[in-house]
Amino acid sequence: MRLIEQLEAAHAAEQSVFRAQLIKEDIARLRTLAELAAKASSPEDFVRQGLLIGWTLGDARTFELRPALVPLLMAFHAAGLGGEEAEARLASAWQAFDSFRMERLVGCLSRVPRPGDRN
């Protein structure tokens, strides 16, 4: 799958320790998805299983990623069937998911509380 190959190349070139670790974890997740796709009885079954592979620690915050994660999983399943168009949709879905995830989960780490901010 082209997405995994692209992430492996990105991992090899990544200089940020944080980003390199995230890419490494993503590659493992995508390989797990490939295994699930081969066994899933339907696209819906694949999506249901794919939501619970550790997108967040213990999947405790995975529900927050659902708006971008479900389309990614659907595109991943379709890409497994082959075709250039399916690979392009997967690449687009991955970009959308990665941006959404960074904004949702990592963005909160970049906000510096001001004195008196307790709410």
N, C-alpha and C. Protein backbone atom coordinates (compact mmCIF):
# COMPACT_ATOMS: atom_id res chain seq x y z
N MET A 1 0.85 -1.17 0.00
CA MET A 1 0.00 0.00 0.00
C MET A 1 0.89 1.24 0.00
N ARG A 2 0.59 2.15 -0.89
CA ARG A 2 1.43 3.32 -1.09
C ARG A 2 1.53 4.20 0.16
N LEU A 3 0.43 4.34 0.91
CA LEU A 3 0.46 5.18 2.11
C LEU A 3 1.49 4.69 3.11
N ILE A 4 1.55 3.40 3.32
CA ILE A 4 2.54 2.86 4.25
C ILE A 4 3.95 3.12 3.75
N GLU A 5 4.17 2.95 2.46
CA GLU A 5 5.49 3.22 1.89
C GLU A 5 5.88 4.69 2.06
N GLN A 6 4.92 5.60 1.87
CA GLN A 6 5.19 7.02 2.04
C GLN A 6 5.52 7.35 3.49
N LEU A 7 4.80 6.74 4.42
CA LEU A 7 5.09 6.99 5.83
C LEU A 7 6.44 6.41 6.24
N GLU A 8 6.81 5.26 5.68
CA GLU A 8 8.13 4.69 5.97
C GLU A 8 9.24 5.62 5.49
N ALA A 9 9.05 6.20 4.31
CA ALA A 9 10.04 7.16 3.79
C ALA A 9 10.08 8.42 4.65
N ALA A 10 8.92 8.89 5.08
CA ALA A 10 8.86 10.07 5.94
C ALA A 10 9.53 9.79 7.29
N HIS A 11 9.33 8.60 7.81
CA HIS A 11 9.95 8.22 9.08
C HIS A 11 11.47 8.24 8.98
N ALA A 12 11.99 7.72 7.88
CA ALA A 12 13.44 7.67 7.69
C ALA A 12 14.05 9.06 7.61
N ALA A 13 13.29 10.03 7.12
CA ALA A 13 13.81 11.39 6.94
C ALA A 13 13.45 12.34 8.08
N GLU A 14 12.58 11.92 8.98
CA GLU A 14 12.07 12.81 10.04
C GLU A 14 13.14 13.14 11.06
N GLN A 15 13.26 14.43 11.40
CA GLN A 15 14.25 14.87 12.38
C GLN A 15 13.64 15.09 13.76
N SER A 16 12.34 15.32 13.80
CA SER A 16 11.66 15.52 15.08
C SER A 16 11.43 14.17 15.75
N VAL A 17 11.89 14.04 16.98
CA VAL A 17 11.72 12.79 17.72
C VAL A 17 10.24 12.50 17.93
N PHE A 18 9.47 13.53 18.27
CA PHE A 18 8.04 13.35 18.48
C PHE A 18 7.36 12.87 17.21
N ARG A 19 7.60 13.57 16.12
CA ARG A 19 6.95 13.22 14.86
C ARG A 19 7.41 11.83 14.37
N ALA A 20 8.68 11.51 14.53
CA ALA A 20 9.18 10.19 14.12
C ALA A 20 8.47 9.08 14.89
N GLN A 21 8.26 9.28 16.19
CA GLN A 21 7.56 8.28 16.99
C GLN A 21 6.10 8.14 16.55
N LEU A 22 5.46 9.24 16.28
CA LEU A 22 4.07 9.20 15.82
C LEU A 22 3.96 8.47 14.47
N ILE A 23 4.88 8.75 13.57
CA ILE A 23 4.87 8.08 12.27
C ILE A 23 5.09 6.58 12.44
N LYS A 24 6.00 6.22 13.31
CA LYS A 24 6.26 4.80 13.59
C LYS A 24 5.00 4.11 14.12
N GLU A 25 4.31 4.77 15.03
CA GLU A 25 3.06 4.21 15.57
C GLU A 25 1.98 4.14 14.48
N ASP A 26 1.93 5.14 13.62
CA ASP A 26 0.95 5.13 12.53
C ASP A 26 1.20 3.99 11.56
N ILE A 27 2.45 3.74 11.25
CA ILE A 27 2.78 2.62 10.35
C ILE A 27 2.28 1.31 10.97
N ALA A 28 2.52 1.14 12.25
CA ALA A 28 2.04 -0.07 12.93
C ALA A 28 0.52 -0.15 12.88
N ARG A 29 -0.16 0.98 13.08
CA ARG A 29 -1.63 0.98 13.02
C ARG A 29 -2.12 0.60 11.62
N LEU A 30 -1.47 1.15 10.61
CA LEU A 30 -1.90 0.86 9.24
C LEU A 30 -1.65 -0.60 8.89
N ARG A 31 -0.59 -1.16 9.39
CA ARG A 31 -0.35 -2.60 9.16
C ARG A 31 -1.42 -3.44 9.87
N THR A 32 -1.81 -3.01 11.04
CA THR A 32 -2.89 -3.70 11.75
C THR A 32 -4.19 -3.58 10.96
N LEU A 33 -4.44 -2.41 10.40
CA LEU A 33 -5.64 -2.24 9.57
C LEU A 33 -5.61 -3.17 8.36
N ALA A 34 -4.45 -3.34 7.76
CA ALA A 34 -4.35 -4.24 6.61
C ALA A 34 -4.71 -5.67 7.01
N GLU A 35 -4.27 -6.08 8.19
CA GLU A 35 -4.63 -7.42 8.68
C GLU A 35 -6.13 -7.52 8.94
N LEU A 36 -6.69 -6.48 9.55
CA LEU A 36 -8.13 -6.48 9.82
C LEU A 36 -8.94 -6.51 8.53
N ALA A 37 -8.50 -5.75 7.54
CA ALA A 37 -9.22 -5.68 6.27
C ALA A 37 -9.28 -7.05 5.60
N ALA A 38 -8.22 -7.81 5.74
CA ALA A 38 -8.18 -9.14 5.13
C ALA A 38 -9.15 -10.10 5.80
N LYS A 39 -9.49 -9.85 7.06
CA LYS A 39 -10.35 -10.75 7.83
C LYS A 39 -11.79 -10.26 7.97
N ALA A 40 -12.02 -8.97 7.77
CA ALA A 40 -13.33 -8.39 8.03
C ALA A 40 -14.39 -8.96 7.09
N SER A 41 -15.57 -9.20 7.65
CA SER A 41 -16.66 -9.77 6.86
C SER A 41 -17.39 -8.72 6.03
N SER A 42 -17.23 -7.44 6.38
CA SER A 42 -17.89 -6.36 5.64
C SER A 42 -17.15 -5.05 5.92
N PRO A 43 -17.39 -4.03 5.09
CA PRO A 43 -16.76 -2.73 5.37
C PRO A 43 -17.18 -2.18 6.74
N GLU A 44 -18.42 -2.40 7.12
CA GLU A 44 -18.90 -1.91 8.42
C GLU A 44 -18.18 -2.62 9.57
N ASP A 45 -17.97 -3.91 9.42
CA ASP A 45 -17.23 -4.69 10.41
C ASP A 45 -15.80 -4.18 10.51
N PHE A 46 -15.19 -3.89 9.37
CA PHE A 46 -13.83 -3.37 9.34
C PHE A 46 -13.75 -2.03 10.07
N VAL A 47 -14.69 -1.12 9.80
CA VAL A 47 -14.69 0.19 10.45
C VAL A 47 -14.86 0.01 11.95
N ARG A 48 -15.78 -0.82 12.37
CA ARG A 48 -16.02 -1.06 13.80
C ARG A 48 -14.73 -1.56 14.48
N GLN A 49 -14.05 -2.50 13.87
CA GLN A 49 -12.81 -3.02 14.44
C GLN A 49 -11.67 -2.00 14.34
N GLY A 50 -11.63 -1.28 13.23
CA GLY A 50 -10.56 -0.31 13.01
C GLY A 50 -10.58 0.87 13.95
N LEU A 51 -11.74 1.15 14.52
CA LEU A 51 -11.84 2.25 15.48
C LEU A 51 -11.14 1.93 16.81
N LEU A 52 -10.87 0.65 17.05
CA LEU A 52 -10.37 0.24 18.36
C LEU A 52 -8.99 -0.40 18.30
N ILE A 53 -8.08 0.22 17.56
CA ILE A 53 -6.72 -0.35 17.46
C ILE A 53 -5.68 0.53 18.13
N GLY A 54 -6.11 1.43 18.99
CA GLY A 54 -5.16 2.25 19.73
C GLY A 54 -4.81 3.56 19.04
N TRP A 55 -5.80 4.22 18.48
CA TRP A 55 -5.54 5.52 17.86
C TRP A 55 -5.14 6.55 18.91
N THR A 56 -5.63 6.36 20.13
CA THR A 56 -5.21 7.16 21.28
C THR A 56 -4.90 6.16 22.39
N LEU A 57 -4.25 6.60 23.43
CA LEU A 57 -3.87 5.72 24.53
C LEU A 57 -5.11 5.03 25.10
N GLY A 58 -5.14 3.73 24.99
CA GLY A 58 -6.28 2.96 25.47
C GLY A 58 -7.58 3.28 24.74
N ASP A 59 -7.47 3.93 23.60
CA ASP A 59 -8.62 4.40 22.82
C ASP A 59 -9.55 5.30 23.63
N ALA A 60 -9.02 5.90 24.69
CA ALA A 60 -9.82 6.75 25.57
C ALA A 60 -10.34 8.01 24.87
N ARG A 61 -9.59 8.52 23.90
CA ARG A 61 -10.03 9.75 23.22
C ARG A 61 -10.28 9.52 21.74
N THR A 62 -10.30 8.27 21.32
CA THR A 62 -10.51 7.96 19.91
C THR A 62 -11.84 8.50 19.42
N PHE A 63 -12.86 8.53 20.29
CA PHE A 63 -14.16 9.07 19.88
C PHE A 63 -14.06 10.49 19.37
N GLU A 64 -13.08 11.25 19.84
CA GLU A 64 -12.89 12.62 19.37
C GLU A 64 -12.39 12.67 17.92
N LEU A 65 -11.76 11.59 17.49
CA LEU A 65 -11.20 11.53 16.14
C LEU A 65 -12.18 10.97 15.13
N ARG A 66 -13.30 10.46 15.60
CA ARG A 66 -14.27 9.77 14.76
C ARG A 66 -14.66 10.53 13.48
N PRO A 67 -14.90 11.85 13.53
CA PRO A 67 -15.30 12.54 12.30
C PRO A 67 -14.31 12.41 11.14
N ALA A 68 -13.03 12.29 11.45
CA ALA A 68 -12.01 12.12 10.40
C ALA A 68 -11.56 10.67 10.28
N LEU A 69 -11.71 9.91 11.36
CA LEU A 69 -11.24 8.53 11.37
C LEU A 69 -12.14 7.59 10.57
N VAL A 70 -13.45 7.75 10.68
CA VAL A 70 -14.35 6.87 9.93
C VAL A 70 -14.14 7.01 8.42
N PRO A 71 -14.07 8.23 7.87
CA PRO A 71 -13.78 8.34 6.43
C PRO A 71 -12.42 7.73 6.06
N LEU A 72 -11.43 7.86 6.94
CA LEU A 72 -10.13 7.25 6.68
C LEU A 72 -10.26 5.73 6.61
N LEU A 73 -10.97 5.15 7.55
CA LEU A 73 -11.14 3.70 7.56
C LEU A 73 -11.89 3.21 6.33
N MET A 74 -12.89 3.95 5.92
CA MET A 74 -13.64 3.57 4.71
C MET A 74 -12.73 3.65 3.48
N ALA A 75 -11.91 4.69 3.40
CA ALA A 75 -10.98 4.83 2.28
C ALA A 75 -9.92 3.74 2.33
N PHE A 76 -9.47 3.38 3.52
CA PHE A 76 -8.47 2.32 3.66
C PHE A 76 -9.02 1.00 3.15
N HIS A 77 -10.24 0.69 3.54
CA HIS A 77 -10.87 -0.55 3.10
C HIS A 77 -11.00 -0.57 1.58
N ALA A 78 -11.43 0.54 1.00
CA ALA A 78 -11.59 0.62 -0.46
C ALA A 78 -10.23 0.51 -1.17
N ALA A 79 -9.19 1.09 -0.57
CA ALA A 79 -7.86 1.03 -1.19
C ALA A 79 -7.34 -0.40 -1.22
N GLY A 80 -7.75 -1.21 -0.26
CA GLY A 80 -7.35 -2.60 -0.24
C GLY A 80 -7.88 -3.38 -1.43
N LEU A 81 -8.94 -2.86 -2.04
CA LEU A 81 -9.52 -3.51 -3.22
C LEU A 81 -8.73 -3.15 -4.47
N GLY A 82 -7.85 -2.17 -4.35
CA GLY A 82 -6.97 -1.79 -5.46
C GLY A 82 -7.49 -0.61 -6.26
N GLY A 83 -6.62 -0.09 -7.09
CA GLY A 83 -6.99 1.00 -7.97
C GLY A 83 -6.34 2.32 -7.59
N GLU A 84 -6.00 3.06 -8.61
CA GLU A 84 -5.34 4.35 -8.43
C GLU A 84 -6.25 5.36 -7.73
N GLU A 85 -7.51 5.38 -8.11
CA GLU A 85 -8.45 6.32 -7.51
C GLU A 85 -8.63 6.05 -6.01
N ALA A 86 -8.70 4.78 -5.64
CA ALA A 86 -8.84 4.41 -4.23
C ALA A 86 -7.59 4.83 -3.44
N GLU A 87 -6.42 4.67 -4.02
CA GLU A 87 -5.18 5.09 -3.35
C GLU A 87 -5.17 6.61 -3.16
N ALA A 88 -5.65 7.35 -4.16
CA ALA A 88 -5.70 8.81 -4.06
C ALA A 88 -6.69 9.24 -2.98
N ARG A 89 -7.84 8.57 -2.90
CA ARG A 89 -8.81 8.89 -1.84
C ARG A 89 -8.23 8.58 -0.47
N LEU A 90 -7.48 7.50 -0.36
CA LEU A 90 -6.85 7.15 0.91
C LEU A 90 -5.83 8.22 1.31
N ALA A 91 -5.02 8.66 0.38
CA ALA A 91 -4.03 9.71 0.68
C ALA A 91 -4.71 10.98 1.16
N SER A 92 -5.80 11.34 0.52
CA SER A 92 -6.56 12.53 0.91
C SER A 92 -7.19 12.34 2.29
N ALA A 93 -7.76 11.17 2.53
CA ALA A 93 -8.38 10.89 3.83
C ALA A 93 -7.32 10.88 4.93
N TRP A 94 -6.13 10.38 4.63
CA TRP A 94 -5.05 10.36 5.62
C TRP A 94 -4.65 11.78 5.99
N GLN A 95 -4.50 12.63 4.98
CA GLN A 95 -4.12 14.03 5.24
C GLN A 95 -5.16 14.71 6.12
N ALA A 96 -6.44 14.50 5.80
CA ALA A 96 -7.51 15.11 6.58
C ALA A 96 -7.48 14.58 8.02
N PHE A 97 -7.30 13.28 8.17
CA PHE A 97 -7.25 12.68 9.50
C PHE A 97 -6.06 13.22 10.29
N ASP A 98 -4.89 13.24 9.68
CA ASP A 98 -3.68 13.68 10.38
C ASP A 98 -3.82 15.14 10.83
N SER A 99 -4.35 15.98 9.98
CA SER A 99 -4.55 17.39 10.36
C SER A 99 -5.56 17.52 11.49
N PHE A 100 -6.66 16.80 11.38
CA PHE A 100 -7.70 16.83 12.41
C PHE A 100 -7.14 16.35 13.74
N ARG A 101 -6.40 15.26 13.70
CA ARG A 101 -5.82 14.69 14.91
C ARG A 101 -4.85 15.67 15.57
N MET A 102 -3.98 16.29 14.78
CA MET A 102 -3.02 17.22 15.34
C MET A 102 -3.73 18.41 15.98
N GLU A 103 -4.74 18.90 15.31
CA GLU A 103 -5.50 20.03 15.85
C GLU A 103 -6.22 19.64 17.13
N ARG A 104 -6.84 18.48 17.12
CA ARG A 104 -7.66 18.04 18.25
C ARG A 104 -6.83 17.59 19.45
N LEU A 105 -5.85 16.76 19.23
CA LEU A 105 -5.14 16.14 20.34
C LEU A 105 -3.85 16.85 20.73
N VAL A 106 -3.10 17.31 19.77
CA VAL A 106 -1.82 17.94 20.08
C VAL A 106 -2.00 19.43 20.29
N GLY A 107 -2.98 20.01 19.64
CA GLY A 107 -3.22 21.45 19.77
C GLY A 107 -3.42 21.88 21.20
N CYS A 108 -4.08 21.03 21.98
CA CYS A 108 -4.32 21.39 23.39
C CYS A 108 -3.02 21.49 24.17
N LEU A 109 -1.96 20.80 23.73
CA LEU A 109 -0.68 20.86 24.43
C LEU A 109 0.06 22.16 24.16
N SER A 110 -0.30 22.83 23.07
CA SER A 110 0.43 24.04 22.71
C SER A 110 -0.17 25.30 23.34
N ARG A 111 -1.29 25.16 23.99
CA ARG A 111 -1.93 26.32 24.63
C ARG A 111 -1.32 26.53 26.01
N VAL A 112 -0.82 27.71 26.20
CA VAL A 112 -0.20 28.03 27.48
C VAL A 112 -1.23 28.72 28.35
N PRO A 113 -1.54 28.15 29.51
CA PRO A 113 -2.52 28.80 30.39
C PRO A 113 -1.97 30.11 30.94
N ARG A 114 -2.84 31.05 31.07
CA ARG A 114 -2.46 32.34 31.65
C ARG A 114 -2.79 32.32 33.13
N PRO A 115 -2.10 33.13 33.90
CA PRO A 115 -2.42 33.20 35.33
C PRO A 115 -3.91 33.51 35.51
N GLY A 116 -4.53 32.81 36.39
CA GLY A 116 -5.95 33.01 36.65
C GLY A 116 -6.85 32.13 35.80
N ASP A 117 -6.30 31.44 34.78
CA ASP A 117 -7.10 30.53 33.95
C ASP A 117 -7.27 29.21 34.69
N ARG A 118 -8.42 29.01 35.24
CA ARG A 118 -8.69 27.76 35.93
C ARG A 118 -9.93 27.08 35.37
N ASN A 119 -10.59 27.69 34.46
CA ASN A 119 -11.83 27.14 33.90
C ASN A 119 -11.48 26.22 32.82
